[in-house]
């Protein structure tokens, strides 16, 4: 994660807001090595709760193919995220929505 340009990722709307300097990233990476590793870790000691409306109905929204020029980079990023254990493939889910692909300039 250290090789990512977080300034592009955060897309600050005003100058000098949310800008992360590389030196800060190095300090954070040394202080919190589990957060900045190449592989995602498990979250322990935290219980997540998902609150739904009582009348919520599961919806499965199938994916749409990305534009042809973005297919290669999208597949590569999905493979990277799967290898880093951020995502995993599933055969079936009652709840699903497609990801949004945006090309960074």
Protein backbone atom coordinates (compact mmCIF):
# COMPACT_ATOMS: atom_id res chain seq x y z
CA UNK A 1 0.00 0.00 0.00
CA UNK A 2 2.98 2.30 0.39
CA UNK A 3 3.46 2.51 -3.35
CA UNK A 4 -0.03 3.99 -3.88
CA UNK A 5 -0.45 7.69 -4.49
CA UNK A 6 -2.91 8.51 -1.73
CA UNK A 7 -3.26 12.10 -2.91
CA UNK A 8 -4.78 10.81 -6.17
CA UNK A 9 -6.87 8.28 -4.28
CA UNK A 10 -8.35 10.87 -1.93
CA UNK A 11 -8.86 13.41 -4.73
CA UNK A 12 -8.72 16.50 -2.52
CA UNK A 13 -11.16 19.14 -3.71
CA UNK A 14 -9.25 22.05 -2.21
CA UNK A 15 -5.46 22.55 -2.19
CA UNK A 16 -3.63 21.20 0.86
CA UNK A 17 -6.66 19.39 2.27
CA UNK A 18 -6.21 15.68 2.97
CA UNK A 19 -2.77 15.63 1.39
CA UNK A 20 -0.60 12.88 2.80
CA UNK A 21 3.12 13.38 2.52
CA UNK A 22 5.33 10.32 1.86
CA UNK A 23 7.26 10.95 5.06
CA UNK A 24 3.99 10.74 7.03
CA UNK A 25 3.14 7.47 5.33
CA UNK A 26 6.51 6.00 6.28
CA UNK A 27 6.01 7.02 9.92
CA UNK A 28 2.50 5.51 9.97
CA UNK A 29 3.72 2.33 8.26
CA UNK A 30 6.40 1.83 10.92
CA UNK A 31 3.97 2.63 13.75
CA UNK A 32 1.14 0.44 12.37
CA UNK A 33 2.80 -2.29 10.26
CA UNK A 34 -0.33 -4.49 10.20
CA UNK A 35 -2.31 -1.68 8.56
CA UNK A 36 0.19 -1.07 5.77
CA UNK A 37 1.19 -4.60 4.82
CA UNK A 38 0.68 -6.22 1.43
CA UNK A 39 -1.98 -8.62 2.77
CA UNK A 40 -5.13 -7.71 4.66
CA UNK A 41 -5.44 -8.99 8.19
CA UNK A 42 -8.40 -10.03 10.26
CA UNK A 43 -10.20 -7.49 12.40
CA UNK A 44 -10.38 -8.79 15.93
CA UNK A 45 -12.00 -7.36 19.02
CA UNK A 46 -14.69 -5.57 17.02
CA UNK A 47 -18.26 -6.58 16.36
CA UNK A 48 -19.82 -5.14 13.23
CA UNK A 49 -23.55 -4.59 13.05
CA UNK A 50 -25.58 -4.16 9.91
CA UNK A 51 -28.90 -2.47 10.52
CA UNK A 52 -31.63 -3.00 7.98
CA UNK A 53 -35.16 -1.79 7.74
CA UNK A 54 -37.61 -4.42 8.92
CA UNK A 55 -39.13 -4.69 5.45
CA UNK A 56 -35.76 -4.91 3.63
CA UNK A 57 -35.80 -7.36 0.74
CA UNK A 58 -32.57 -8.92 -0.62
CA UNK A 59 -31.61 -7.69 -4.07
CA UNK A 60 -29.06 -9.12 -6.44
CA UNK A 61 -27.94 -6.64 -9.08
CA UNK A 62 -25.78 -8.38 -11.71
CA UNK A 63 -22.53 -6.84 -12.85
CA UNK A 64 -22.11 -4.90 -16.06
CA UNK A 65 -19.06 -5.41 -18.20
CA UNK A 66 -16.62 -2.51 -17.91
CA UNK A 67 -15.69 -0.55 -21.02
CA UNK A 68 -13.26 -2.49 -23.21
CA UNK A 69 -10.23 -0.24 -22.45
CA UNK A 70 -10.78 -0.77 -18.69
CA UNK A 71 -11.29 -4.54 -18.72
CA UNK A 72 -7.61 -5.47 -18.45
CA UNK A 73 -6.79 -3.04 -15.63
CA UNK A 74 -10.02 -3.97 -13.83
CA UNK A 75 -9.24 -7.70 -13.93
CA UNK A 76 -5.69 -7.00 -12.76
CA UNK A 77 -6.94 -4.92 -9.81
CA UNK A 78 -9.55 -7.52 -8.85
CA UNK A 79 -6.86 -10.23 -8.91
CA UNK A 80 -4.61 -8.05 -6.73
CA UNK A 81 -7.44 -7.44 -4.25
CA UNK A 82 -8.28 -11.16 -4.14
CA UNK A 83 -4.62 -12.09 -3.59
CA UNK A 84 -4.41 -9.52 -0.77
CA UNK A 85 -7.58 -11.08 0.72
CA UNK A 86 -9.62 -7.86 0.49
CA UNK A 87 -12.24 -9.65 -1.58
CA UNK A 88 -13.13 -13.27 -2.33
CA UNK A 89 -15.20 -14.85 -5.06
CA UNK A 90 -18.60 -16.29 -4.17
CA UNK A 91 -20.88 -18.56 -6.18
CA UNK A 92 -24.13 -17.09 -4.92
CA UNK A 93 -25.34 -14.23 -2.75
CA UNK A 94 -28.80 -12.88 -1.98
CA UNK A 95 -27.31 -9.40 -1.57
CA UNK A 96 -25.03 -8.02 -4.26
CA UNK A 97 -24.39 -4.80 -6.12
CA UNK A 98 -21.87 -4.03 -8.84
CA UNK A 99 -18.67 -2.12 -8.23
CA UNK A 100 -18.11 1.28 -9.77
CA UNK A 101 -15.06 1.56 -12.00
CA UNK A 102 -13.51 4.98 -12.44
CA UNK A 103 -10.39 5.68 -14.43
CA UNK A 104 -7.89 7.84 -12.54
CA UNK A 105 -6.10 10.45 -14.58
